[in-house]
PDB file of N, CA and C in Angstrom:
ATOM      1  N   MET A   1      75.161 154.258 110.742  1.00  0.00           N
ATOM      2  CA  MET A   1      76.244 153.780 109.928  1.00  0.00           C
ATOM      3  C   MET A   1      76.321 152.264 110.010  1.00  0.00           C
ATOM      4  N   LYS A   2      76.399 151.644 108.882  1.00  0.00           N
ATOM      5  CA  LYS A   2      76.477 150.188 108.829  1.00  0.00           C
ATOM      6  C   LYS A   2      77.884 149.723 109.178  1.00  0.00           C
ATOM      7  N   THR A   3      77.930 148.571 109.825  1.00  0.00           N
ATOM      8  CA  THR A   3      79.209 147.947 110.131  1.00  0.00           C
ATOM      9  C   THR A   3      79.195 146.536 109.580  1.00  0.00           C
ATOM     10  N   LEU A   4      80.300 146.144 108.991  1.00  0.00           N
ATOM     11  CA  LEU A   4      80.404 144.801 108.431  1.00  0.00           C
ATOM     12  C   LEU A   4      80.780 143.832 109.544  1.00  0.00           C
ATOM     13  N   TYR A   5      79.947 142.821 109.729  1.00  0.00           N
ATOM     14  CA  TYR A   5      80.196 141.753 110.690  1.00  0.00           C
ATOM     15  C   TYR A   5      80.059 140.413 109.994  1.00  0.00           C
ATOM     16  N   ARG A   6      80.709 139.394 110.546  1.00  0.00           N
ATOM     17  CA  ARG A   6      80.442 138.026 110.121  1.00  0.00           C
ATOM     18  C   ARG A   6      79.147 137.599 110.809  1.00  0.00           C
ATOM     19  N   SER A   7      78.222 137.087 110.052  1.00  0.00           N
ATOM     20  CA  SER A   7      76.902 136.740 110.568  1.00  0.00           C
ATOM     21  C   SER A   7      76.975 135.547 111.510  1.00  0.00           C
ATOM     22  N   ARG A   8      76.193 135.599 112.594  1.00  0.00           N
ATOM     23  CA  ARG A   8      76.092 134.472 113.516  1.00  0.00           C
ATOM     24  C   ARG A   8      74.968 133.514 113.119  1.00  0.00           C
ATOM     25  N   HIS A   9      73.962 134.022 112.422  1.00  0.00           N
ATOM     26  CA  HIS A   9      72.792 133.185 112.132  1.00  0.00           C
ATOM     27  C   HIS A   9      72.694 132.753 110.664  1.00  0.00           C
ATOM     28  N   ASP A  10      73.414 133.423 109.770  1.00  0.00           N
ATOM     29  CA  ASP A  10      73.369 133.052 108.351  1.00  0.00           C
ATOM     30  C   ASP A  10      74.782 132.711 107.908  1.00  0.00           C
ATOM     31  N   LYS A  11      75.236 131.523 108.336  1.00  0.00           N
ATOM     32  CA  LYS A  11      76.603 131.152 108.015  1.00  0.00           C
ATOM     33  C   LYS A  11      76.686 129.699 107.590  1.00  0.00           C
ATOM     34  N   LYS A  12      77.657 129.439 106.725  1.00  0.00           N
ATOM     35  CA  LYS A  12      77.965 128.075 106.300  1.00  0.00           C
ATOM     36  C   LYS A  12      79.333 127.667 106.852  1.00  0.00           C
ATOM     37  N   LEU A  13      80.324 128.547 106.709  1.00  0.00           N
ATOM     38  CA  LEU A  13      81.659 128.286 107.267  1.00  0.00           C
ATOM     39  C   LEU A  13      81.979 129.302 108.357  1.00  0.00           C
ATOM     40  N   PHE A  14      82.257 130.530 107.945  1.00  0.00           N
ATOM     41  CA  PHE A  14      82.645 131.568 108.893  1.00  0.00           C
ATOM     42  C   PHE A  14      81.619 132.684 109.023  1.00  0.00           C
ATOM     43  N   GLY A  15      80.592 132.698 108.192  1.00  0.00           N
ATOM     44  CA  GLY A  15      79.570 133.738 108.248  1.00  0.00           C
ATOM     45  C   GLY A  15      79.914 134.991 107.475  1.00  0.00           C
ATOM     46  N   LEU A  16      81.006 134.954 106.723  1.00  0.00           N
ATOM     47  CA  LEU A  16      81.425 136.147 105.983  1.00  0.00           C
ATOM     48  C   LEU A  16      80.447 136.486 104.861  1.00  0.00           C
ATOM     49  N   CYS A  17      80.008 135.506 104.092  1.00  0.00           N
ATOM     50  CA  CYS A  17      79.058 135.774 103.001  1.00  0.00           C
ATOM     51  C   CYS A  17      77.713 136.254 103.557  1.00  0.00           C
ATOM     52  N   GLY A  18      77.283 135.696 104.679  1.00  0.00           N
ATOM     53  CA  GLY A  18      76.050 136.161 105.307  1.00  0.00           C
ATOM     54  C   GLY A  18      76.169 137.601 105.775  1.00  0.00           C
ATOM     55  N   GLY A  19      77.328 137.935 106.341  1.00  0.00           N
ATOM     56  CA  GLY A  19      77.568 139.313 106.766  1.00  0.00           C
ATOM     57  C   GLY A  19      77.634 140.268 105.593  1.00  0.00           C
ATOM     58  N   LEU A  20      78.295 139.843 104.503  1.00  0.00           N
ATOM     59  CA  LEU A  20      78.346 140.680 103.307  1.00  0.00           C
ATOM     60  C   LEU A  20      76.948 140.878 102.722  1.00  0.00           C
ATOM     61  N   GLY A  21      76.139 139.825 102.757  1.00  0.00           N
ATOM     62  CA  GLY A  21      74.773 139.932 102.259  1.00  0.00           C
ATOM     63  C   GLY A  21      73.959 140.926 103.058  1.00  0.00           C
ATOM     64  N   GLU A  22      74.089 140.894 104.394  1.00  0.00           N
ATOM     65  CA  GLU A  22      73.370 141.863 105.222  1.00  0.00           C
ATOM     66  C   GLU A  22      73.887 143.280 104.985  1.00  0.00           C
ATOM     67  N   TYR A  23      75.186 143.413 104.846  1.00  0.00           N
ATOM     68  CA  TYR A  23      75.792 144.735 104.672  1.00  0.00           C
ATOM     69  C   TYR A  23      75.362 145.388 103.357  1.00  0.00           C
ATOM     70  N   PHE A  24      75.385 144.612 102.280  1.00  0.00           N
ATOM     71  CA  PHE A  24      75.039 145.160 100.966  1.00  0.00           C
ATOM     72  C   PHE A  24      73.568 144.971 100.594  1.00  0.00           C
ATOM     73  N   GLY A  25      72.797 144.288 101.414  1.00  0.00           N
ATOM     74  CA  GLY A  25      71.382 144.076 101.122  1.00  0.00           C
ATOM     75  C   GLY A  25      71.147 143.063 100.014  1.00  0.00           C
ATOM     76  N   LEU A  26      72.042 142.090  99.899  1.00  0.00           N
ATOM     77  CA  LEU A  26      71.929 141.058  98.872  1.00  0.00           C
ATOM     78  C   LEU A  26      71.670 139.703  99.524  1.00  0.00           C
ATOM     79  N   ASP A  27      71.183 138.787  98.722  1.00  0.00           N
ATOM     80  CA  ASP A  27      71.001 137.427  99.197  1.00  0.00           C
ATOM     81  C   ASP A  27      72.374 136.765  99.313  1.00  0.00           C
ATOM     82  N   PRO A  28      72.733 136.246 100.496  1.00  0.00           N
ATOM     83  CA  PRO A  28      74.047 135.627 100.667  1.00  0.00           C
ATOM     84  C   PRO A  28      74.293 134.438  99.738  1.00  0.00           C
ATOM     85  N   THR A  29      73.230 133.824  99.243  1.00  0.00           N
ATOM     86  CA  THR A  29      73.397 132.701  98.321  1.00  0.00           C
ATOM     87  C   THR A  29      74.088 133.153  97.044  1.00  0.00           C
ATOM     88  N   TRP A  30      73.738 134.342  96.544  1.00  0.00           N
ATOM     89  CA  TRP A  30      74.374 134.862  95.337  1.00  0.00           C
ATOM     90  C   TRP A  30      75.851 135.167  95.590  1.00  0.00           C
ATOM     91  N   ILE A  31      76.136 135.683  96.771  1.00  0.00           N
ATOM     92  CA  ILE A  31      77.534 135.970  97.109  1.00  0.00           C
ATOM     93  C   ILE A  31      78.331 134.667  97.186  1.00  0.00           C
ATOM     94  N   ARG A  32      77.745 133.648  97.807  1.00  0.00           N
ATOM     95  CA  ARG A  32      78.419 132.342  97.891  1.00  0.00           C
ATOM     96  C   ARG A  32      78.643 131.744  96.498  1.00  0.00           C
ATOM     97  N   LEU A  33      77.621 131.837  95.666  1.00  0.00           N
ATOM     98  CA  LEU A  33      77.732 131.304  94.305  1.00  0.00           C
ATOM     99  C   LEU A  33      78.823 132.029  93.513  1.00  0.00           C
ATOM    100  N   GLY A  34      78.860 133.350  93.630  1.00  0.00           N
ATOM    101  CA  GLY A  34      79.901 134.123  92.952  1.00  0.00           C
ATOM    102  C   GLY A  34      81.287 133.770  93.466  1.00  0.00           C
ATOM    103  N   LEU A  35      81.397 133.547  94.760  1.00  0.00           N
ATOM    104  CA  LEU A  35      82.673 133.161  95.344  1.00  0.00           C
ATOM    105  C   LEU A  35      83.152 131.811  94.801  1.00  0.00           C
ATOM    106  N   VAL A  36      82.238 130.859  94.700  1.00  0.00           N
ATOM    107  CA  VAL A  36      82.598 129.527  94.189  1.00  0.00           C
ATOM    108  C   VAL A  36      83.004 129.611  92.725  1.00  0.00           C
ATOM    109  N   VAL A  37      82.227 130.346  91.918  1.00  0.00           N
ATOM    110  CA  VAL A  37      82.532 130.440  90.485  1.00  0.00           C
ATOM    111  C   VAL A  37      83.877 131.129  90.271  1.00  0.00           C
ATOM    112  N   LEU A  38      84.105 132.235  90.948  1.00  0.00           N
ATOM    113  CA  LEU A  38      85.380 132.933  90.792  1.00  0.00           C
ATOM    114  C   LEU A  38      86.557 132.098  91.303  1.00  0.00           C
ATOM    115  N   THR A  39      86.340 131.333  92.360  1.00  0.00           N
ATOM    116  CA  THR A  39      87.398 130.473  92.878  1.00  0.00           C
ATOM    117  C   THR A  39      87.738 129.372  91.890  1.00  0.00           C
ATOM    118  N   LEU A  40      86.715 128.822  91.226  1.00  0.00           N
ATOM    119  CA  LEU A  40      86.984 127.781  90.226  1.00  0.00           C
ATOM    120  C   LEU A  40      87.800 128.308  89.057  1.00  0.00           C
ATOM    121  N   PHE A  41      87.572 129.572  88.661  1.00  0.00           N
ATOM    122  CA  PHE A  41      88.279 130.129  87.520  1.00  0.00           C
ATOM    123  C   PHE A  41      89.639 130.720  87.880  1.00  0.00           C
ATOM    124  N   THR A  42      89.735 131.362  89.050  1.00  0.00           N
ATOM    125  CA  THR A  42      90.988 132.053  89.374  1.00  0.00           C
ATOM    126  C   THR A  42      91.686 131.504  90.619  1.00  0.00           C
ATOM    127  N   GLY A  43      90.918 131.006  91.562  1.00  0.00           N
ATOM    128  CA  GLY A  43      91.501 130.495  92.803  1.00  0.00           C
ATOM    129  C   GLY A  43      91.825 131.580  93.811  1.00  0.00           C
ATOM    130  N   LEU A  44      91.768 132.828  93.429  1.00  0.00           N
ATOM    131  CA  LEU A  44      92.147 133.932  94.304  1.00  0.00           C
ATOM    132  C   LEU A  44      91.094 134.284  95.363  1.00  0.00           C
ATOM    133  N   PRO A  45      89.798 134.254  95.053  1.00  0.00           N
ATOM    134  CA  PRO A  45      88.803 134.661  96.055  1.00  0.00           C
ATOM    135  C   PRO A  45      88.849 133.844  97.353  1.00  0.00           C
ATOM    136  N   ILE A  46      89.298 132.607  97.298  1.00  0.00           N
ATOM    137  CA  ILE A  46      89.351 131.814  98.523  1.00  0.00           C
ATOM    138  C   ILE A  46      90.350 132.425  99.514  1.00  0.00           C
ATOM    139  N   LEU A  47      91.421 133.034  98.987  1.00  0.00           N
ATOM    140  CA  LEU A  47      92.380 133.713  99.870  1.00  0.00           C
ATOM    141  C   LEU A  47      91.763 134.956 100.502  1.00  0.00           C
ATOM    142  N   PHE A  48      90.993 135.711  99.699  1.00  0.00           N
ATOM    143  CA  PHE A  48      90.301 136.876 100.238  1.00  0.00           C
ATOM    144  C   PHE A  48      89.251 136.461 101.271  1.00  0.00           C
ATOM    145  N   TYR A  49      88.588 135.346 101.018  1.00  0.00           N
ATOM    146  CA  TYR A  49      87.583 134.857 101.961  1.00  0.00           C
ATOM    147  C   TYR A  49      88.243 134.502 103.290  1.00  0.00           C
ATOM    148  N   LEU A  50      89.334 133.776 103.250  1.00  0.00           N
ATOM    149  CA  LEU A  50      90.022 133.390 104.484  1.00  0.00           C
ATOM    150  C   LEU A  50      90.576 134.619 105.210  1.00  0.00           C
ATOM    151  N   ALA A  51      91.106 135.577 104.461  1.00  0.00           N
ATOM    152  CA  ALA A  51      91.594 136.811 105.086  1.00  0.00           C
ATOM    153  C   ALA A  51      90.434 137.578 105.727  1.00  0.00           C
ATOM    154  N   GLY A  52      89.309 137.642 105.029  1.00  0.00           N
ATOM    155  CA  GLY A  52      88.133 138.318 105.587  1.00  0.00           C
ATOM    156  C   GLY A  52      87.614 137.621 106.828  1.00  0.00           C
ATOM    157  N   ALA A  53      87.663 136.301 106.831  1.00  0.00           N
ATOM    158  CA  ALA A  53      87.209 135.548 108.002  1.00  0.00           C
ATOM    159  C   ALA A  53      88.087 135.837 109.216  1.00  0.00           C
ATOM    160  N   LEU A  54      89.360 136.141 108.977  1.00  0.00           N
ATOM    161  CA  LEU A  54      90.269 136.466 110.077  1.00  0.00           C
ATOM    162  C   LEU A  54      90.151 137.920 110.508  1.00  0.00           C
ATOM    163  N   ILE A  55      89.851 138.809 109.572  1.00  0.00           N
ATOM    164  CA  ILE A  55      89.862 140.250 109.858  1.00  0.00           C
ATOM    165  C   ILE A  55      88.501 140.767 110.330  1.00  0.00           C
ATOM    166  N   VAL A  56      87.435 140.373 109.661  1.00  0.00           N
ATOM    167  CA  VAL A  56      86.093 140.905 109.960  1.00  0.00           C
ATOM    168  C   VAL A  56      85.609 140.318 111.282  1.00  0.00           C
ATOM    169  N   PRO A  57      85.156 141.173 112.212  1.00  0.00           N
ATOM    170  CA  PRO A  57      84.704 140.667 113.513  1.00  0.00           C
ATOM    171  C   PRO A  57      83.354 139.962 113.413  1.00  0.00           C
ATOM    172  N   LYS A  58      83.112 139.060 114.371  1.00  0.00           N
ATOM    173  CA  LYS A  58      81.820 138.384 114.445  1.00  0.00           C
ATOM    174  C   LYS A  58      80.750 139.365 114.893  1.00  0.00           C
ATOM    175  N   GLU A  59      79.548 139.101 114.467  1.00  0.00           N
ATOM    176  CA  GLU A  59      78.406 139.889 114.890  1.00  0.00           C
ATOM    177  C   GLU A  59      78.291 139.795 116.413  1.00  0.00           C
ATOM    178  N   PRO A  60      78.184 140.932 117.126  1.00  0.00           N
ATOM    179  CA  PRO A  60      78.112 140.863 118.585  1.00  0.00           C
ATOM    180  C   PRO A  60      76.835 140.187 119.061  1.00  0.00           C
ATOM    181  N   LEU A  61      76.914 139.536 120.212  1.00  0.00           N
ATOM    182  CA  LEU A  61      75.712 138.961 120.813  1.00  0.00           C
ATOM    183  C   LEU A  61      74.761 140.097 121.140  1.00  0.00           C
ATOM    184  N   GLY A  62      73.497 139.858 120.927  1.00  0.00           N
ATOM    185  CA  GLY A  62      72.510 140.901 121.162  1.00  0.00           C
ATOM    186  C   GLY A  62      72.300 141.816 119.981  1.00  0.00           C
ATOM    187  N   PHE A  63      73.024 141.593 118.895  1.00  0.00           N
ATOM    188  CA  PHE A  63      72.879 142.410 117.690  1.00  0.00           C
ATOM    189  C   PHE A  63      71.947 141.686 116.749  1.00  0.00           C
ATOM    190  N   ALA A  64      70.746 142.210 116.562  1.00  0.00           N
ATOM    191  CA  ALA A  64      69.748 141.536 115.740  1.00  0.00           C
ATOM    192  C   ALA A  64      69.997 141.740 114.257  1.00  0.00           C
ATOM    193  N   GLY A  65      70.837 142.708 113.899  1.00  0.00           N
ATOM    194  CA  GLY A  65      71.095 142.962 112.483  1.00  0.00           C
ATOM    195  C   GLY A  65      69.851 143.492 111.794  1.00  0.00           C
ATOM    196  N   THR A  66      69.644 143.094 110.566  1.00  0.00           N
ATOM    197  CA  THR A  66      68.493 143.577 109.811  1.00  0.00           C
ATOM    198  C   THR A  66      67.444 142.487 109.635  1.00  0.00           C
ATOM    199  N   ASP A  67      67.623 141.357 110.298  1.00  0.00           N
ATOM    200  CA  ASP A  67      66.705 140.240 110.123  1.00  0.00           C
ATOM    201  C   ASP A  67      65.505 140.395 111.062  1.00  0.00           C
ATOM    202  N   PRO A  68      64.304 140.710 110.540  1.00  0.00           N
ATOM    203  CA  PRO A  68      63.153 140.922 111.413  1.00  0.00           C
ATOM    204  C   PRO A  68      62.642 139.642 112.049  1.00  0.00           C
ATOM    205  N   TRP A  69      63.101 138.487 111.607  1.00  0.00           N
ATOM    206  CA  TRP A  69      62.616 137.221 112.147  1.00  0.00           C
ATOM    207  C   TRP A  69      63.509 136.686 113.255  1.00  0.00           C
ATOM    208  N   ARG A  70      64.477 137.489 113.688  1.00  0.00           N
ATOM    209  CA  ARG A  70      65.379 137.094 114.769  1.00  0.00           C
ATOM    210  C   ARG A  70      65.155 138.005 115.965  1.00  0.00           C
ATOM    211  N   ASP A  71      65.276 137.443 117.177  1.00  0.00           N
ATOM    212  CA  ASP A  71      65.183 138.278 118.358  1.00  0.00           C
ATOM    213  C   ASP A  71      66.536 138.903 118.643  1.00  0.00           C
ATOM    214  N   GLU A  72      66.673 139.580 119.795  1.00  0.00           N
ATOM    215  CA  GLU A  72      67.907 140.306 120.058  1.00  0.00           C
ATOM    216  C   GLU A  72      69.119 139.410 120.298  1.00  0.00           C
ATOM    217  N   TRP A  73      68.916 138.100 120.474  1.00  0.00           N
ATOM    218  CA  TRP A  73      70.035 137.178 120.691  1.00  0.00           C
ATOM    219  C   TRP A  73      70.314 136.330 119.467  1.00  0.00           C
ATOM    220  N   GLY A  74      69.681 136.631 118.333  1.00  0.00           N
ATOM    221  CA  GLY A  74      69.949 135.894 117.109  1.00  0.00           C
ATOM    222  C   GLY A  74      69.138 134.630 116.969  1.00  0.00           C
ATOM    223  N   ARG A  75      68.245 134.345 117.921  1.00  0.00           N
ATOM    224  CA  ARG A  75      67.393 133.163 117.825  1.00  0.00           C
ATOM    225  C   ARG A  75      66.190 133.479 116.959  1.00  0.00           C
ATOM    226  N   ALA A  76      65.624 132.453 116.367  1.00  0.00           N
ATOM    227  CA  ALA A  76      64.427 132.656 115.554  1.00  0.00           C
ATOM    228  C   ALA A  76      63.309 133.170 116.456  1.00  0.00           C
ATOM    229  N   ALA A  77      62.660 134.252 116.034  1.00  0.00           N
ATOM    230  CA  ALA A  77      61.614 134.857 116.845  1.00  0.00           C
ATOM    231  C   ALA A  77      60.457 133.895 117.051  1.00  0.00           C
ATOM    232  N   SER A  78      60.214 133.024 116.090  1.00  0.00           N
ATOM    233  CA  SER A  78      59.106 132.080 116.236  1.00  0.00           C
ATOM    234  C   SER A  78      59.371 131.104 117.378  1.00  0.00           C
ATOM    235  N   ASP A  79      60.654 130.787 117.651  1.00  0.00           N
ATOM    236  CA  ASP A  79      60.973 129.900 118.765  1.00  0.00           C
ATOM    237  C   ASP A  79      60.577 130.533 120.085  1.00  0.00           C
ATOM    238  N   SER A  80      60.948 131.798 120.291  1.00  0.00           N
ATOM    239  CA  SER A  80      60.616 132.460 121.536  1.00  0.00           C
ATOM    240  C   SER A  80      59.105 132.679 121.634  1.00  0.00           C
ATOM    241  N   LEU A  81      58.443 132.907 120.506  1.00  0.00           N
ATOM    242  CA  LEU A  81      56.994 133.073 120.517  1.00  0.00           C
ATOM    243  C   LEU A  81      56.310 131.756 120.889  1.00  0.00           C
ATOM    244  N   ASP A  82      56.791 130.652 120.316  1.00  0.00           N
ATOM    245  CA  ASP A  82      56.226 129.344 120.660  1.00  0.00           C
ATOM    246  C   ASP A  82      56.427 129.024 122.133  1.00  0.00           C
ATOM    247  N   GLN A  83      57.573 129.359 122.676  1.00  0.00           N
ATOM    248  CA  GLN A  83      57.832 129.124 124.093  1.00  0.00           C
ATOM    249  C   GLN A  83      56.904 129.957 124.961  1.00  0.00           C
ATOM    250  N   GLU A  84      56.664 131.193 124.561  1.00  0.00           N
ATOM    251  CA  GLU A  84      55.770 132.060 125.329  1.00  0.00           C
ATOM    252  C   GLU A  84      54.335 131.543 125.273  1.00  0.00           C
ATOM    253  N   ILE A  85      53.903 131.064 124.125  1.00  0.00           N
ATOM    254  CA  ILE A  85      52.558 130.493 124.006  1.00  0.00           C
ATOM    255  C   ILE A  85      52.430 129.254 124.881  1.00  0.00           C
ATOM    256  N   ASP A  86      53.447 128.389 124.864  1.00  0.00           N
ATOM    257  CA  ASP A  86      53.425 127.204 125.729  1.00  0.00           C
ATOM    258  C   ASP A  86      53.341 127.591 127.197  1.00  0.00           C
ATOM    259  N   ARG A  87      54.105 128.612 127.597  1.00  0.00           N
ATOM    260  CA  ARG A  87      54.087 129.053 128.990  1.00  0.00           C
ATOM    261  C   ARG A  87      52.701 129.577 129.382  1.00  0.00           C
ATOM    262  N   LEU A  88      52.078 130.355 128.489  1.00  0.00           N
ATOM    263  CA  LEU A  88      50.750 130.895 128.783  1.00  0.00           C
ATOM    264  C   LEU A  88      49.691 129.796 128.831  1.00  0.00           C
ATOM    265  N   GLU A  89      49.824 128.800 127.938  1.00  0.00           N
ATOM    266  CA  GLU A  89      48.870 127.684 127.962  1.00  0.00           C
ATOM    267  C   GLU A  89      48.990 126.896 129.264  1.00  0.00           C
ATOM    268  N   LYS A  90      50.203 126.654 129.726  1.00  0.00           N
ATOM    269  CA  LYS A  90      50.400 125.943 130.995  1.00  0.00           C
ATOM    270  C   LYS A  90      49.810 126.730 132.151  1.00  0.00           C
ATOM    271  N   ARG A  91      50.039 128.045 132.126  1.00  0.00           N
ATOM    272  CA  ARG A  91      49.505 128.903 133.192  1.00  0.00           C
ATOM    273  C   ARG A  91      47.973 128.866 133.200  1.00  0.00           C
ATOM    274  N   ALA A  92      47.360 128.945 132.028  1.00  0.00           N
ATOM    275  CA  ALA A  92      45.900 128.891 131.946  1.00  0.00           C
ATOM    276  C   ALA A  92      45.379 127.543 132.416  1.00  0.00           C
ATOM    277  N   LEU A  93      46.074 126.471 132.069  1.00  0.00           N
ATOM    278  CA  LEU A  93      45.672 125.132 132.504  1.00  0.00           C
ATOM    279  C   LEU A  93      45.778 125.005 134.015  1.00  0.00           C
ATOM    280  N   GLN A  94      46.828 125.550 134.613  1.00  0.00           N
ATOM    281  CA  GLN A  94      46.974 125.504 136.062  1.00  0.00           C
ATOM    282  C   GLN A  94      45.841 126.259 136.746  1.00  0.00           C
ATOM    283  N   LYS A  95      45.499 127.434 136.222  1.00  0.00           N
ATOM    284  CA  LYS A  95      44.399 128.211 136.804  1.00  0.00           C
ATOM    285  C   LYS A  95      43.087 127.443 136.721  1.00  0.00           C
ATOM    286  N   GLU A  96      42.869 126.772 135.602  1.00  0.00           N
ATOM    287  CA  GLU A  96      41.634 125.996 135.439  1.00  0.00           C
ATOM    288  C   GLU A  96      41.594 124.830 136.418  1.00  0.00           C
ATOM    289  N   VAL A  97      42.714 124.164 136.621  1.00  0.00           N
ATOM    290  CA  VAL A  97      42.767 123.055 137.586  1.00  0.00           C
ATOM    291  C   VAL A  97      42.462 123.565 138.990  1.00  0.00           C
ATOM    292  N   TYR A  98      43.044 124.689 139.390  1.00  0.00           N
ATOM    293  CA  TYR A  98      42.766 125.254 140.712  1.00  0.00           C
ATOM    294  C   TYR A  98      41.295 125.623 140.858  1.00  0.00           C
ATOM    295  N   ARG A  99      40.700 126.193 139.807  1.00  0.00           N
ATOM    296  CA  ARG A  99      39.283 126.559 139.855  1.00  0.00           C
ATOM    297  C   ARG A  99      38.408 125.323 140.011  1.00  0.00           C
ATOM    298  N   LEU A 100      38.739 124.267 139.262  1.00  0.00           N
ATOM    299  CA  LEU A 100      37.963 123.031 139.372  1.00  0.00           C
ATOM    300  C   LEU A 100      38.115 122.388 140.746  1.00  0.00           C
ATOM    301  N   ARG A 101      39.268 122.474 141.353  1.00  0.00           N
ATOM    302  CA  ARG A 101      39.464 121.938 142.710  1.00  0.00           C
ATOM    303  C   ARG A 101      38.615 122.695 143.722  1.00  0.00           C
ATOM    304  N   ARG A 102      38.564 124.028 143.576  1.00  0.00           N
ATOM    305  CA  ARG A 102      37.713 124.816 144.486  1.00  0.00           C
ATOM    306  C   ARG A 102      36.249 124.426 144.326  1.00  0.00           C
ATOM    307  N   GLU A 103      35.823 124.272 143.076  1.00  0.00           N
ATOM    308  CA  GLU A 103      34.438 123.860 142.825  1.00  0.00           C
ATOM    309  C   GLU A 103      34.154 122.487 143.438  1.00  0.00           C
ATOM    310  N   LEU A 104      35.093 121.578 143.291  1.00  0.00           N
ATOM    311  CA  LEU A 104      34.918 120.233 143.836  1.00  0.00           C
ATOM    312  C   LEU A 104      34.836 120.260 145.353  1.00  0.00           C
ATOM    313  N   THR A 105      35.675 121.051 146.017  1.00  0.00           N
ATOM    314  CA  THR A 105      35.608 121.118 147.483  1.00  0.00           C
ATOM    315  C   THR A 105      34.307 121.769 147.932  1.00  0.00           C
ATOM    316  N   LYS A 106      33.805 122.772 147.195  1.00  0.00           N
ATOM    317  CA  LYS A 106      32.506 123.368 147.522  1.00  0.00           C
ATOM    318  C   LYS A 106      31.412 122.316 147.424  1.00  0.00           C
ATOM    319  N   TYR A 107      31.456 121.558 146.336  1.00  0.00           N
ATOM    320  CA  TYR A 107      30.442 120.535 146.104  1.00  0.00           C
ATOM    321  C   TYR A 107      30.509 119.464 147.196  1.00  0.00           C
ATOM    322  N   GLN A 108      31.710 119.061 147.581  1.00  0.00           N
ATOM    323  CA  GLN A 108      31.863 118.023 148.598  1.00  0.00           C
ATOM    324  C   GLN A 108      31.408 118.505 149.966  1.00  0.00           C
ATOM    325  N   THR A 109      31.653 119.772 150.311  1.00  0.00           N
ATOM    326  CA  THR A 109      31.229 120.287 151.601  1.00  0.00           C
ATOM    327  C   THR A 109      29.713 120.474 151.644  1.00  0.00           C
ATOM    328  N   GLN A 110      29.095 120.778 150.528  1.00  0.00           N
ATOM    329  CA  GLN A 110      27.643 120.925 150.498  1.00  0.00           C
ATOM    330  C   GLN A 110      26.961 119.548 150.566  1.00  0.00           C
ATOM    331  N   LYS A 111      27.567 118.537 150.005  1.00  0.00           N
ATOM    332  CA  LYS A 111      26.962 117.228 149.917  1.00  0.00           C
ATOM    333  C   LYS A 111      27.088 116.437 151.239  1.00  0.00           C
ATOM    334  N   THR A 112      28.168 116.669 151.985  1.00  0.00           N
ATOM    335  CA  THR A 112      28.351 115.906 153.229  1.00  0.00           C
ATOM    336  C   THR A 112      27.400 116.439 154.290  1.00  0.00           C
ATOM    337  N   PRO A 113      26.764 115.531 155.047  1.00  0.00           N
ATOM    338  CA  PRO A 113      25.830 115.968 156.106  1.00  0.00           C
ATOM    339  C   PRO A 113      26.599 116.501 157.316  1.00  0.00           C
ATOM    340  N   ASN A 114      25.983 117.471 157.984  1.00  0.00           N
ATOM    341  CA  ASN A 114      26.621 118.064 159.159  1.00  0.00           C
ATOM    342  C   ASN A 114      26.401 117.240 160.356  1.00  0.00           C
TER     343      ASN A 114
END
């Protein structure tokens, strides 16, 4: 069952349009555009928006929603992937440095006369 939340990652003011977009499967930009146009003509939707911002709960932490490009904390998945790649590269570099040091000590012990 779907639950309406104010979006934490797709928000301009309160995240209500982003949450509505996720809930209905629409692009939040269209919802925002419709809200602006209706507000210019009638002025009433801004009151509904403010009421919704007060009533609709925020998306809970750890709720990834339907966005496949976000991790479980709402961060961009590419950020965590880049961090993991950096960590693995550092680890590989450290291993290579240790291997080269062992080789150097072997070479130095073989070269020095007894």
